[in-house]
C-alpha atoms as a PDB file:
ATOM      1  CA  MET A   1       0.000   0.000   0.000  1.00  0.00           C
ATOM      2  CA  ALA A   2       1.153   3.469  -0.756  1.00  0.00           C
ATOM      3  CA  ALA A   3       2.112   5.841   1.933  1.00  0.00           C
ATOM      4  CA  PRO A   4      -0.078   8.883   2.229  1.00  0.00           C
ATOM      5  CA  GLN A   5       1.412  12.092   0.888  1.00  0.00           C
ATOM      6  CA  ARG A   6       2.042  14.851   3.266  1.00  0.00           C
ATOM      7  CA  ASN A   7       0.791  18.257   2.476  1.00  0.00           C
ATOM      8  CA  ARG A   8       3.766  20.455   2.622  1.00  0.00           C
ATOM      9  CA  GLN A   9       3.039  24.018   2.665  1.00  0.00           C
ATOM     10  CA  VAL A  10       5.816  26.112   1.414  1.00  0.00           C
ATOM     11  CA  GLN A  11       5.797  29.508   2.747  1.00  0.00           C
ATOM     12  CA  SER A  12       6.516  32.130   0.243  1.00  0.00           C
ATOM     13  CA  PRO A  13       9.192  34.558   1.106  1.00  0.00           C
ATOM     14  CA  ASP A  14       8.450  38.089   1.795  1.00  0.00           C
ATOM     15  CA  PRO A  15       7.083  39.771  -1.354  1.00  0.00           C
ATOM     16  CA  SER A  16       9.478  42.600  -0.951  1.00  0.00           C
ATOM     17  CA  THR A  17      12.465  40.217  -1.175  1.00  0.00           C
ATOM     18  CA  ARG A  18      11.057  38.002  -3.934  1.00  0.00           C
ATOM     19  CA  PRO A  19      12.652  38.554  -7.347  1.00  0.00           C
ATOM     20  CA  SER A  20      10.435  39.864 -10.065  1.00  0.00           C
ATOM     21  CA  ARG A  21       9.339  37.300 -12.649  1.00  0.00           C
ATOM     22  CA  ARG A  22       8.691  39.840 -15.345  1.00  0.00           C
ATOM     23  CA  PRO A  23      11.310  39.534 -18.067  1.00  0.00           C
ATOM     24  CA  SER A  24      13.627  42.398 -18.187  1.00  0.00           C
ATOM     25  CA  PRO A  25      13.302  44.427 -21.323  1.00  0.00           C
ATOM     26  CA  VAL A  26      15.736  43.404 -24.116  1.00  0.00           C
ATOM     27  CA  PRO A  27      18.327  46.070 -24.762  1.00  0.00           C
ATOM     28  CA  ALA A  28      17.790  48.042 -27.962  1.00  0.00           C
ATOM     29  CA  PRO A  29      20.878  46.759 -29.879  1.00  0.00           C
ATOM     30  CA  ARG A  30      19.852  43.138 -29.344  1.00  0.00           C
ATOM     31  CA  ARG A  31      16.305  43.851 -30.425  1.00  0.00           C
ATOM     32  CA  LYS A  32      17.514  45.454 -33.657  1.00  0.00           C
ATOM     33  CA  THR A  33      19.792  42.506 -34.291  1.00  0.00           C
ATOM     34  CA  ARG A  34      16.868  40.118 -33.891  1.00  0.00           C
ATOM     35  CA  GLU A  35      14.707  42.222 -36.200  1.00  0.00           C
ATOM     36  CA  ARG A  36      17.449  42.306 -38.837  1.00  0.00           C
ATOM     37  CA  ARG A  37      17.971  38.567 -38.580  1.00  0.00           C
ATOM     38  CA  GLY A  38      14.245  37.986 -39.007  1.00  0.00           C
ATOM     39  CA  PHE A  39      14.142  40.296 -42.030  1.00  0.00           C
ATOM     40  CA  VAL A  40      17.084  38.515 -43.599  1.00  0.00           C
ATOM     41  CA  MET A  41      15.593  35.092 -43.044  1.00  0.00           C
ATOM     42  CA  LEU A  42      12.146  36.034 -44.363  1.00  0.00           C
ATOM     43  CA  VAL A  43      13.013  38.343 -47.267  1.00  0.00           C
ATOM     44  CA  VAL A  44      16.627  38.410 -48.342  1.00  0.00           C
ATOM     45  CA  VAL A  45      17.398  34.669 -48.385  1.00  0.00           C
ATOM     46  CA  PRO A  46      14.368  33.715 -50.558  1.00  0.00           C
ATOM     47  CA  VAL A  47      15.086  36.592 -52.947  1.00  0.00           C
ATOM     48  CA  LEU A  48      18.686  35.442 -53.336  1.00  0.00           C
ATOM     49  CA  LEU A  49      17.550  31.874 -53.938  1.00  0.00           C
ATOM     50  CA  MET A  50      15.104  33.010 -56.624  1.00  0.00           C
ATOM     51  CA  LEU A  51      17.763  35.144 -58.335  1.00  0.00           C
ATOM     52  CA  GLY A  52      20.152  32.198 -58.294  1.00  0.00           C
ATOM     53  CA  SER A  53      17.505  29.997 -59.849  1.00  0.00           C
ATOM     54  CA  VAL A  54      16.855  32.539 -62.620  1.00  0.00           C
ATOM     55  CA  TYR A  55      20.597  32.833 -63.277  1.00  0.00           C
ATOM     56  CA  LEU A  56      21.067  29.062 -63.521  1.00  0.00           C
ATOM     57  CA  HIS A  57      18.090  28.771 -65.865  1.00  0.00           C
ATOM     58  CA  THR A  58      19.535  31.487 -68.122  1.00  0.00           C
ATOM     59  CA  VAL A  59      22.953  29.847 -68.201  1.00  0.00           C
ATOM     60  CA  SER A  60      21.495  26.418 -68.988  1.00  0.00           C
ATOM     61  CA  ALA A  61      19.403  27.848 -71.844  1.00  0.00           C
ATOM     62  CA  GLY A  62      22.522  29.474 -73.306  1.00  0.00           C
ATOM     63  CA  LEU A  63      24.423  26.201 -73.055  1.00  0.00           C
ATOM     64  CA  GLY A  64      21.587  24.370 -74.780  1.00  0.00           C
ATOM     65  CA  ASP A  65      21.719  26.829 -77.686  1.00  0.00           C
ATOM     66  CA  ARG A  66      25.490  26.444 -77.913  1.00  0.00           C
ATOM     67  CA  ALA A  67      25.174  22.642 -77.901  1.00  0.00           C
ATOM     68  CA  SER A  68      22.707  22.738 -80.827  1.00  0.00           C
ATOM     69  CA  GLU A  69      25.057  25.056 -82.764  1.00  0.00           C
ATOM     70  CA  LEU A  70      27.939  22.642 -82.213  1.00  0.00           C
ATOM     71  CA  GLU A  71      25.812  19.692 -83.323  1.00  0.00           C
ATOM     72  CA  ASP A  72      24.980  21.555 -86.555  1.00  0.00           C
ATOM     73  CA  LEU A  73      28.679  22.288 -87.107  1.00  0.00           C
ATOM     74  CA  ASN A  74      29.526  18.649 -86.493  1.00  0.00           C
ATOM     75  CA  ALA A  75      26.916  17.493 -89.022  1.00  0.00           C
ATOM     76  CA  GLY A  76      28.272  19.954 -91.603  1.00  0.00           C
ATOM     77  CA  ALA A  77      31.830  18.785 -91.011  1.00  0.00           C
ATOM     78  CA  ALA A  78      30.778  15.140 -91.409  1.00  0.00           C
ATOM     79  CA  ALA A  79      29.077  15.938 -94.737  1.00  0.00           C
ATOM     80  CA  GLU A  80      32.185  17.817 -95.910  1.00  0.00           C
ATOM     81  CA  ARG A  81      34.382  14.866 -94.917  1.00  0.00           C
ATOM     82  CA  GLU A  82      32.256  12.447 -96.924  1.00  0.00           C
ATOM     83  CA  ARG A  83      32.366  14.772 -99.939  1.00  0.00           C
ATOM     84  CA  LEU A  84      36.151  15.043 -99.709  1.00  0.00           C
ATOM     85  CA  GLU A  85      36.557  11.265 -99.363  1.00  0.00           C
ATOM     86  CA  VAL A  86      34.558  10.789-102.585  1.00  0.00           C
ATOM     87  CA  ARG A  87      36.734  13.391-104.302  1.00  0.00           C
ATOM     88  CA  VAL A  88      39.926  11.651-103.156  1.00  0.00           C
ATOM     89  CA  ALA A  89      38.586   8.345-104.437  1.00  0.00           C
ATOM     90  CA  ASP A  90      37.771   9.946-107.818  1.00  0.00           C
ATOM     91  CA  LEU A  91      41.151  11.660-108.117  1.00  0.00           C
ATOM     92  CA  SER A  92      43.116   8.533-107.216  1.00  0.00           C
ATOM     93  CA  SER A  93      41.247   6.113-109.507  1.00  0.00           C
ATOM     94  CA  PRO A  94      43.455   4.288-112.035  1.00  0.00           C
ATOM     95  CA  GLY A  95      41.145   5.299-114.910  1.00  0.00           C
ATOM     96  CA  ARG A  96      42.078   8.925-114.304  1.00  0.00           C
ATOM     97  CA  ILE A  97      45.756   8.430-113.463  1.00  0.00           C
ATOM     98  CA  ARG A  98      46.715   6.324-116.533  1.00  0.00           C
ATOM     99  CA  PRO A  99      45.801   8.946-119.187  1.00  0.00           C
ATOM    100  CA  ILE A 100      47.525  11.708-117.199  1.00  0.00           C
ATOM    101  CA  ALA A 101      50.661   9.568-116.809  1.00  0.00           C
ATOM    102  CA  GLN A 102      50.710   8.740-120.552  1.00  0.00           C
ATOM    103  CA  GLU A 103      50.110  12.312-121.763  1.00  0.00           C
ATOM    104  CA  GLU A 104      51.959  14.517-119.292  1.00  0.00           C
ATOM    105  CA  LEU A 105      54.708  12.193-118.058  1.00  0.00           C
ATOM    106  CA  LYS A 106      55.166  10.224-121.316  1.00  0.00           C
ATOM    107  CA  MET A 107      54.717   6.912-119.514  1.00  0.00           C
ATOM    108  CA  ARG A 108      53.511   3.777-121.225  1.00  0.00           C
ATOM    109  CA  ASP A 109      51.864   0.541-120.162  1.00  0.00           C
ATOM    110  CA  PRO A 110      54.297  -2.347-119.688  1.00  0.00           C
ATOM    111  CA  GLU A 111      54.254  -4.946-122.410  1.00  0.00           C
ATOM    112  CA  GLY A 112      54.959  -8.669-122.251  1.00  0.00           C
ATOM    113  CA  ALA A 113      58.708  -8.277-122.925  1.00  0.00           C
ATOM    114  CA  ASP A 114      59.042  -5.605-120.220  1.00  0.00           C
ATOM    115  CA  LEU A 115      57.501  -7.737-117.488  1.00  0.00           C
ATOM    116  CA  LYS A 116      59.617 -10.118-115.511  1.00  0.00           C
ATOM    117  CA  VAL A 117      58.182 -12.455-112.849  1.00  0.00           C
ATOM    118  CA  TYR A 118      60.553 -13.167-109.977  1.00  0.00           C
ATOM    119  CA  GLY A 119      58.521 -15.706-108.054  1.00  0.00           C
ATOM    120  CA  ASN A 120      55.075 -17.063-107.600  1.00  0.00           C
ATOM    121  CA  THR A 121      54.734 -16.070-103.943  1.00  0.00           C
ATOM    122  CA  ARG A 122      52.483 -13.294-102.843  1.00  0.00           C
ATOM    123  CA  GLU A 123      53.156 -10.379-100.508  1.00  0.00           C
ATOM    124  CA  ASP A 124      52.959 -12.523 -97.395  1.00  0.00           C
ATOM    125  CA  ASP A 125      55.446 -15.096 -98.810  1.00  0.00           C
ATOM    126  CA  ARG A 126      52.866 -17.862 -99.136  1.00  0.00           C
ATOM    127  CA  LYS A 127      52.047 -19.517-102.382  1.00  0.00           C
ATOM    128  CA  ASP A 128      48.335 -19.521-101.659  1.00  0.00           C
ATOM    129  CA  GLY A 129      48.286 -15.875-100.507  1.00  0.00           C
ATOM    130  CA  GLY A 130      47.558 -16.819 -96.922  1.00  0.00           C
ATOM    131  CA  GLU A 131      43.875 -17.304 -97.563  1.00  0.00           C
ATOM    132  CA  LYS A 132      42.187 -20.500 -96.604  1.00  0.00           C
ATOM    133  CA  LYS A 133      39.914 -22.015 -99.150  1.00  0.00           C
ATOM    134  CA  ARG A 134      36.330 -22.237 -98.057  1.00  0.00           C
ATOM    135  CA  GLU A 135      34.600 -25.521 -98.233  1.00  0.00           C
ATOM    136  CA  ASN A 136      31.101 -25.519 -99.618  1.00  0.00           C
ATOM    137  CA  PRO A 137      28.789 -26.491 -96.782  1.00  0.00           C
ATOM    138  CA  GLN A 138      26.035 -27.317 -99.251  1.00  0.00           C
END
């Protein structure tokens, strides 16, 4: 069983000696500091965040435009490369080189007496050219 609680009566000290429970007024410099801090937190920080967001959006849009310009340049360069490869192939074809060599350089095609065969091996020194013959699987 629980013991009964005693009623303790605390006597309050003399009201003239009791400290006042009213908060002392905050000094003016601290109050202004709190007000400034509140203003900064409520107004300045969100404004700075919004401005930063606008700036980042502007920069990303500019980079997107630049990326599309570079892609267009790349496509143009690829088309130019293909055109130049075709031109090189045309300029280096034997059908074009032979007449130029005969007319301008006074060259002639080799005839049977001018040709001499030194061996029947190919470039890789194998008689069969290094290629394996395929068997017909049919």
